[in-house]
Protein backbone atom coordinates (compact mmCIF):
# COMPACT_ATOMS: atom_id res chain seq x y z
CA UNK A 1 -10.86 -32.33 -35.01
CA UNK A 2 -10.70 -33.51 -31.40
CA UNK A 3 -9.22 -36.97 -30.96
CA UNK A 4 -9.46 -38.67 -27.56
CA UNK A 5 -7.60 -41.96 -27.23
CA UNK A 6 -7.69 -44.29 -24.22
CA UNK A 7 -8.05 -41.39 -21.79
CA UNK A 8 -7.91 -42.48 -18.16
CA UNK A 9 -7.89 -40.54 -14.89
CA UNK A 10 -7.90 -41.88 -11.34
CA UNK A 11 -8.20 -40.13 -8.01
CA UNK A 12 -7.05 -42.60 -5.38
CA UNK A 13 -9.12 -45.78 -5.76
CA UNK A 14 -11.74 -44.06 -7.94
CA UNK A 15 -11.45 -44.28 -11.72
CA UNK A 16 -13.14 -41.13 -13.01
CA UNK A 17 -12.40 -41.58 -16.71
CA UNK A 18 -11.79 -45.15 -17.83
CA UNK A 19 -10.13 -45.79 -21.21
CA UNK A 20 -12.27 -43.25 -23.02
CA UNK A 21 -11.88 -43.08 -26.82
CA UNK A 22 -13.89 -40.96 -29.27
CA UNK A 23 -13.44 -38.42 -32.06
CA UNK A 24 -15.27 -35.12 -32.50
CA UNK A 25 -15.34 -34.29 -36.20
CA UNK A 26 -15.82 -30.97 -37.99
CA UNK A 27 -19.05 -29.93 -39.65
CA UNK A 28 -21.38 -31.04 -36.85
CA UNK A 29 -22.47 -30.08 -33.36
CA UNK A 30 -21.54 -32.94 -31.04
CA UNK A 31 -23.34 -33.26 -27.71
CA UNK A 32 -21.35 -34.66 -24.80
CA UNK A 33 -23.81 -36.33 -22.43
CA UNK A 34 -23.63 -38.20 -19.16
CA UNK A 35 -25.16 -38.15 -15.67
CA UNK A 36 -23.57 -36.27 -12.80
CA UNK A 37 -20.32 -37.99 -11.92
CA UNK A 38 -19.91 -39.53 -15.38
CA UNK A 39 -16.50 -37.89 -15.93
CA UNK A 40 -17.51 -35.23 -18.46
CA UNK A 41 -15.89 -32.27 -16.72
CA UNK A 42 -12.70 -34.23 -16.05
CA UNK A 43 -12.55 -35.24 -19.70
CA UNK A 44 -12.96 -31.63 -20.85
CA UNK A 45 -10.27 -30.49 -18.42
CA UNK A 46 -7.87 -33.10 -19.78
CA UNK A 47 -8.62 -31.93 -23.33
CA UNK A 48 -7.65 -28.39 -22.30
CA UNK A 49 -4.51 -29.28 -20.37
CA UNK A 50 -6.00 -28.38 -16.99
CA UNK A 51 -5.84 -31.93 -15.65
CA UNK A 52 -3.10 -34.44 -16.44
CA UNK A 53 -4.36 -37.87 -17.55
CA UNK A 54 -2.90 -41.02 -16.05
CA UNK A 55 -2.88 -42.64 -19.48
CA UNK A 56 -4.08 -41.75 -22.96
CA UNK A 57 -4.11 -38.58 -25.03
CA UNK A 58 -6.39 -35.76 -26.12
CA UNK A 59 -5.37 -33.99 -29.32
CA UNK A 60 -6.67 -30.85 -31.03
CA UNK A 61 -5.91 -31.17 -34.74
CA UNK A 62 -3.09 -33.52 -33.82
CA UNK A 63 -1.63 -31.35 -31.03
CA UNK A 64 -1.90 -31.44 -27.25
CA UNK A 65 -3.42 -28.24 -25.92
CA UNK A 66 -0.23 -27.41 -23.99
CA UNK A 67 1.80 -27.54 -27.20
CA UNK A 68 -0.24 -24.81 -28.90
CA UNK A 69 1.66 -21.51 -28.94
CA UNK A 70 -1.52 -19.46 -29.30
CA UNK A 71 -4.34 -21.77 -28.17
CA UNK A 72 -7.22 -19.31 -28.60
CA UNK A 73 -6.57 -19.35 -32.35
CA UNK A 74 -7.11 -23.11 -32.40
CA UNK A 75 -9.75 -23.82 -29.78
CA UNK A 76 -12.26 -21.66 -27.96
CA UNK A 77 -13.37 -23.06 -24.63
CA UNK A 78 -15.90 -22.24 -21.94
CA UNK A 79 -15.87 -24.23 -18.72
CA UNK A 80 -18.27 -23.76 -15.82
CA UNK A 81 -15.39 -23.06 -13.46
CA UNK A 82 -13.72 -20.40 -15.62
CA UNK A 83 -14.13 -16.75 -14.55
CA UNK A 84 -12.34 -13.47 -15.33
CA UNK A 85 -10.74 -11.25 -12.70
CA UNK A 86 -13.65 -9.42 -11.07
CA UNK A 87 -11.79 -6.09 -11.08
CA UNK A 88 -11.26 -6.04 -14.85
CA UNK A 89 -13.73 -4.54 -17.29
CA UNK A 90 -15.12 -6.85 -19.96
CA UNK A 91 -13.12 -5.06 -22.63
CA UNK A 92 -9.85 -5.21 -20.66
CA UNK A 93 -10.33 -8.90 -19.93
CA UNK A 94 -10.71 -9.65 -23.63
CA UNK A 95 -7.87 -7.30 -24.57
CA UNK A 96 -5.56 -9.19 -22.23
CA UNK A 97 -6.57 -12.48 -23.81
CA UNK A 98 -6.13 -11.05 -27.29
CA UNK A 99 -2.65 -9.71 -26.50
CA UNK A 100 -1.51 -13.01 -24.95
CA UNK A 101 -2.56 -14.88 -28.11
CA UNK A 102 -1.46 -12.21 -30.64
CA UNK A 103 -5.01 -11.54 -31.78
CA UNK A 104 -5.79 -8.14 -33.28
CA UNK A 105 -7.40 -5.88 -30.65
CA UNK A 106 -10.12 -4.94 -33.14
CA UNK A 107 -11.50 -8.43 -32.63
CA UNK A 108 -12.47 -7.50 -29.04
CA UNK A 109 -15.16 -5.07 -30.19
CA UNK A 110 -16.42 -7.63 -32.72
CA UNK A 111 -17.01 -10.39 -30.18
CA UNK A 112 -18.49 -8.00 -27.61
CA UNK A 113 -21.04 -6.97 -30.22
CA UNK A 114 -21.63 -10.58 -31.25
CA UNK A 115 -22.58 -11.60 -27.70
CA UNK A 116 -24.55 -8.44 -26.94
CA UNK A 117 -22.15 -6.84 -24.44
CA UNK A 118 -21.10 -3.68 -26.29
CA UNK A 119 -22.93 -1.42 -23.82
CA UNK A 120 -21.34 -3.26 -20.88
CA UNK A 121 -17.77 -3.24 -22.24
CA UNK A 122 -16.52 -0.74 -19.63
CA UNK A 123 -18.24 -2.40 -16.67
CA UNK A 124 -16.20 -4.44 -14.21
CA UNK A 125 -16.96 -8.12 -14.56
CA UNK A 126 -17.59 -8.41 -10.83
CA UNK A 127 -20.87 -6.53 -11.36
CA UNK A 128 -22.10 -8.88 -14.09
CA UNK A 129 -25.14 -11.10 -13.70
CA UNK A 130 -24.83 -14.82 -14.36
CA UNK A 131 -26.12 -14.39 -17.90
CA UNK A 132 -23.75 -11.50 -18.67
CA UNK A 133 -20.83 -13.51 -17.30
CA UNK A 134 -21.82 -16.39 -19.55
CA UNK A 135 -21.91 -14.10 -22.57
CA UNK A 136 -18.45 -12.80 -21.69
CA UNK A 137 -17.17 -16.37 -21.48
CA UNK A 138 -18.61 -17.04 -24.93
CA UNK A 139 -16.94 -13.87 -26.22
CA UNK A 140 -13.60 -15.17 -24.95
CA UNK A 141 -14.20 -18.53 -26.62
CA UNK A 142 -14.94 -16.80 -29.95
CA UNK A 143 -12.09 -14.29 -29.68
CA UNK A 144 -9.53 -16.15 -31.79
CA UNK A 145 -12.11 -17.14 -34.45
CA UNK A 146 -11.13 -20.77 -33.68
CA UNK A 147 -11.91 -23.81 -35.83
CA UNK A 148 -12.76 -25.78 -32.66
CA UNK A 149 -15.22 -24.89 -29.87
CA UNK A 150 -15.59 -26.74 -26.55
CA UNK A 151 -18.41 -25.43 -24.37
CA UNK A 152 -19.50 -26.78 -20.99
CA UNK A 153 -23.12 -25.88 -20.09
CA UNK A 154 -23.08 -22.92 -22.52
CA UNK A 155 -26.73 -21.88 -22.00
CA UNK A 156 -26.35 -21.58 -18.22
CA UNK A 157 -27.83 -18.23 -17.17
CA UNK A 158 -28.94 -17.20 -20.65
CA UNK A 159 -32.47 -15.96 -21.25
CA UNK A 160 -34.72 -17.37 -24.00
CA UNK A 161 -33.41 -14.91 -26.58
CA UNK A 162 -29.82 -15.71 -25.64
CA UNK A 163 -30.41 -19.46 -25.87
CA UNK A 164 -31.87 -19.11 -29.35
CA UNK A 165 -28.99 -16.86 -30.42
CA UNK A 166 -26.44 -19.39 -29.16
CA UNK A 167 -28.24 -22.27 -30.85
CA UNK A 168 -28.14 -20.47 -34.19
CA UNK A 169 -24.48 -19.53 -33.67
CA UNK A 170 -23.42 -23.10 -32.97
CA UNK A 171 -25.34 -24.44 -35.95
CA UNK A 172 -23.82 -21.81 -38.25
CA UNK A 173 -20.28 -22.51 -37.00
CA UNK A 174 -20.73 -26.22 -37.63
CA UNK A 175 -22.08 -25.42 -41.09
CA UNK A 176 -18.85 -23.52 -41.77
CA UNK A 177 -16.93 -26.74 -41.16
CA UNK A 178 -15.85 -26.07 -37.58
CA UNK A 179 -15.73 -28.63 -34.79
CA UNK A 180 -18.26 -27.95 -32.01
CA UNK A 181 -18.47 -29.97 -28.77
CA UNK A 182 -21.01 -29.00 -26.13
CA UNK A 183 -21.81 -30.54 -22.77
CA UNK A 184 -25.22 -29.83 -21.27
CA UNK A 185 -27.83 -31.28 -18.92
CA UNK A 186 -30.66 -29.63 -20.89
CA UNK A 187 -31.93 -32.48 -23.05
CA UNK A 188 -34.55 -30.40 -24.83
CA UNK A 189 -31.93 -27.91 -25.97
CA UNK A 190 -29.47 -30.65 -26.90
CA UNK A 191 -32.14 -32.31 -29.05
CA UNK A 192 -32.55 -29.04 -30.96
CA UNK A 193 -28.88 -28.30 -31.62
CA UNK A 194 -26.82 -31.51 -31.68
CA UNK A 195 -26.20 -33.65 -34.77
CA UNK A 196 -24.03 -36.25 -33.05
CA UNK A 197 -23.83 -37.62 -29.51
CA UNK A 198 -21.05 -38.95 -27.31
CA UNK A 199 -22.61 -40.52 -24.20
CA UNK A 200 -20.58 -41.67 -21.20
CA UNK A 201 -21.34 -43.14 -17.80
CA UNK A 202 -18.92 -43.90 -14.98
CA UNK A 203 -16.10 -42.72 -17.22
CA UNK A 204 -16.82 -45.23 -19.99
CA UNK A 205 -18.19 -44.70 -23.47
CA UNK A 206 -21.78 -45.87 -23.94
CA UNK A 207 -22.60 -44.37 -27.34
CA UNK A 208 -20.88 -42.47 -30.15
CA UNK A 209 -23.46 -41.99 -32.87
CA UNK A 210 -25.74 -39.61 -34.73
CA UNK A 211 -28.70 -38.10 -32.88
CA UNK A 212 -31.36 -39.84 -35.00
CA UNK A 213 -29.49 -43.17 -34.90
CA UNK A 214 -29.19 -42.93 -31.11
CA UNK A 215 -32.93 -42.48 -30.62
CA UNK A 216 -33.83 -45.06 -33.27
CA UNK A 217 -31.45 -47.70 -31.91
CA UNK A 218 -31.92 -47.16 -28.17
CA UNK A 219 -35.26 -45.39 -27.88
CA UNK A 220 -38.62 -46.97 -27.17
CA UNK A 221 -41.20 -46.24 -29.84
CA UNK A 222 -44.85 -46.83 -29.04
CA UNK A 223 -48.31 -46.53 -30.55
CA UNK A 224 -50.68 -44.07 -28.90
CA UNK A 225 -54.34 -44.98 -29.35
CA UNK A 226 -57.31 -43.20 -27.82
CA UNK A 227 -60.83 -44.65 -27.62
CA UNK A 228 -64.02 -44.26 -25.54
CA UNK A 229 -63.54 -47.91 -24.47
CA UNK A 230 -59.88 -48.07 -23.39
CA UNK A 231 -60.20 -50.94 -20.91
CA UNK A 232 -61.86 -53.34 -23.35
CA UNK A 233 -59.52 -52.41 -26.22
CA UNK A 234 -56.54 -52.72 -23.91
CA UNK A 235 -57.51 -56.31 -23.09
CA UNK A 236 -57.85 -57.12 -26.79
CA UNK A 237 -54.41 -55.68 -27.56
CA UNK A 238 -52.80 -57.52 -24.65
CA UNK A 239 -54.40 -60.71 -25.93
CA UNK A 240 -52.63 -60.04 -29.21
CA UNK A 241 -49.25 -59.91 -27.45
CA UNK A 242 -48.84 -56.15 -26.91
CA UNK A 243 -47.79 -54.41 -23.71
CA UNK A 244 -50.36 -51.74 -22.89
CA UNK A 245 -50.10 -48.79 -20.51
CA UNK A 246 -53.17 -46.71 -19.65
CA UNK A 247 -52.80 -42.92 -19.93
CA UNK A 248 -55.31 -40.23 -18.90
CA UNK A 249 -58.18 -39.33 -21.21
CA UNK A 250 -58.90 -42.79 -22.56
CA UNK A 251 -55.45 -43.22 -24.05
CA UNK A 252 -53.35 -46.36 -24.37
CA UNK A 253 -49.63 -46.57 -25.07
CA UNK A 254 -48.96 -49.78 -26.93
CA UNK A 255 -45.52 -51.39 -27.18
CA UNK A 256 -44.72 -54.46 -29.28
CA UNK A 257 -47.41 -53.96 -31.90
CA UNK A 258 -47.43 -51.86 -35.07
CA UNK A 259 -50.04 -49.15 -35.58
CA UNK A 260 -51.55 -51.07 -38.51
CA UNK A 261 -52.12 -54.13 -36.31
CA UNK A 262 -53.67 -51.97 -33.58
CA UNK A 263 -56.00 -50.51 -36.20
CA UNK A 264 -57.04 -53.96 -37.46
CA UNK A 265 -57.81 -55.23 -33.95
CA UNK A 266 -59.82 -52.10 -33.19
CA UNK A 267 -61.77 -52.38 -36.42
CA UNK A 268 -62.49 -56.08 -35.88
CA UNK A 269 -63.83 -55.36 -32.39
CA UNK A 270 -65.86 -52.34 -33.48
CA UNK A 271 -63.89 -49.88 -31.33
CA UNK A 272 -64.23 -46.21 -32.33
CA UNK A 273 -60.80 -44.49 -32.36
CA UNK A 274 -60.21 -40.84 -31.55
CA UNK A 275 -56.41 -41.07 -32.03
CA UNK A 276 -53.94 -43.51 -33.53
CA UNK A 277 -50.27 -42.78 -34.19
CA UNK A 278 -46.70 -43.94 -33.69
CA UNK A 279 -44.46 -41.93 -31.37
CA UNK A 280 -40.67 -42.11 -31.10
CA UNK A 281 -39.01 -41.78 -27.73
CA UNK A 282 -37.55 -38.38 -26.85
CA UNK A 283 -33.84 -37.77 -26.38
CA UNK A 284 -34.41 -37.47 -22.63
CA UNK A 285 -36.25 -40.80 -22.40
CA UNK A 286 -33.67 -42.55 -24.55
CA UNK A 287 -30.77 -41.03 -22.61
CA UNK A 288 -32.23 -42.19 -19.29
CA UNK A 289 -32.75 -45.70 -20.66
CA UNK A 290 -29.18 -45.91 -21.96
CA UNK A 291 -27.74 -44.50 -18.75
CA UNK A 292 -29.75 -47.01 -16.75
CA UNK A 293 -28.12 -49.80 -18.71
CA UNK A 294 -24.73 -48.09 -18.41
CA UNK A 295 -24.89 -48.20 -14.64
CA UNK A 296 -24.71 -51.98 -14.97
CA UNK A 297 -21.55 -52.13 -17.08
CA UNK A 298 -19.63 -55.29 -16.04
CA UNK A 299 -16.86 -54.48 -13.59
CA UNK A 300 -18.34 -51.06 -12.77
CA UNK A 301 -20.79 -52.06 -10.01
CA UNK A 302 -20.29 -50.20 -6.79
CA UNK A 303 -17.50 -48.04 -8.12
CA UNK A 304 -17.48 -44.54 -6.60
CA UNK A 305 -16.87 -41.91 -9.27
CA UNK A 306 -16.91 -38.12 -9.37
CA UNK A 307 -15.97 -35.21 -11.61
């Protein structure tokens, strides 16, 4: 379990992370979301002992990262800024990590195979493509068979096959009861893999909830109706109190009225319908709405933040 309590970090007058508190629990994939400058990277660095917080704590199973004698056995991490020595081969890089954490060297071959780098094991990492480097970083994160994974933009550089492989890996590790925290800007991918969401903006917590609850609570559902007479039906629906937006092809997006009421008004007016259905907002739409509100958190206006 990852437990973050009242975590705060300032750089000069800028508060990058502001009293952040949340818990990442085992058995689920937790997505860590926020716009650029929200404080995500700084938070992850404080979790991993790379940046010292001004106040607050980040604990991995009750321990600070710096107190772990063999950290790779407890937490596997991949940060965007991490990179191996370019003169080392992939195998030697992982062997060095294994030796420093007293991990059996046989594990090196296992993780190289798991990430698809067996044939590149003797190549120097300086010759690796972006995708190969990302796979090597994932191999390092998996090396100690850790109960906790923290991955920052893990699909960066991966091809379609690699993204699907990683998605299945993360889901399987969560199913085994491990704790998985991933940060990503790819909302479509996050919607496919995450069970739980922690959303921050300007260093403050905006949401800590399940994926479905997040969309249901904050998303904007609407009724999509399509008819050969969209203008006339639109006026009827607006007269009934709905907010109507025209979409191409004779479609109307209706907010503030249930699909059954739209159907009754259409039937009463003799409107033929080619489509009628309720649509939930996507993760991306909901995220942007929540972030838009988060930018107006009291006391945060005009504050200059960065990661």
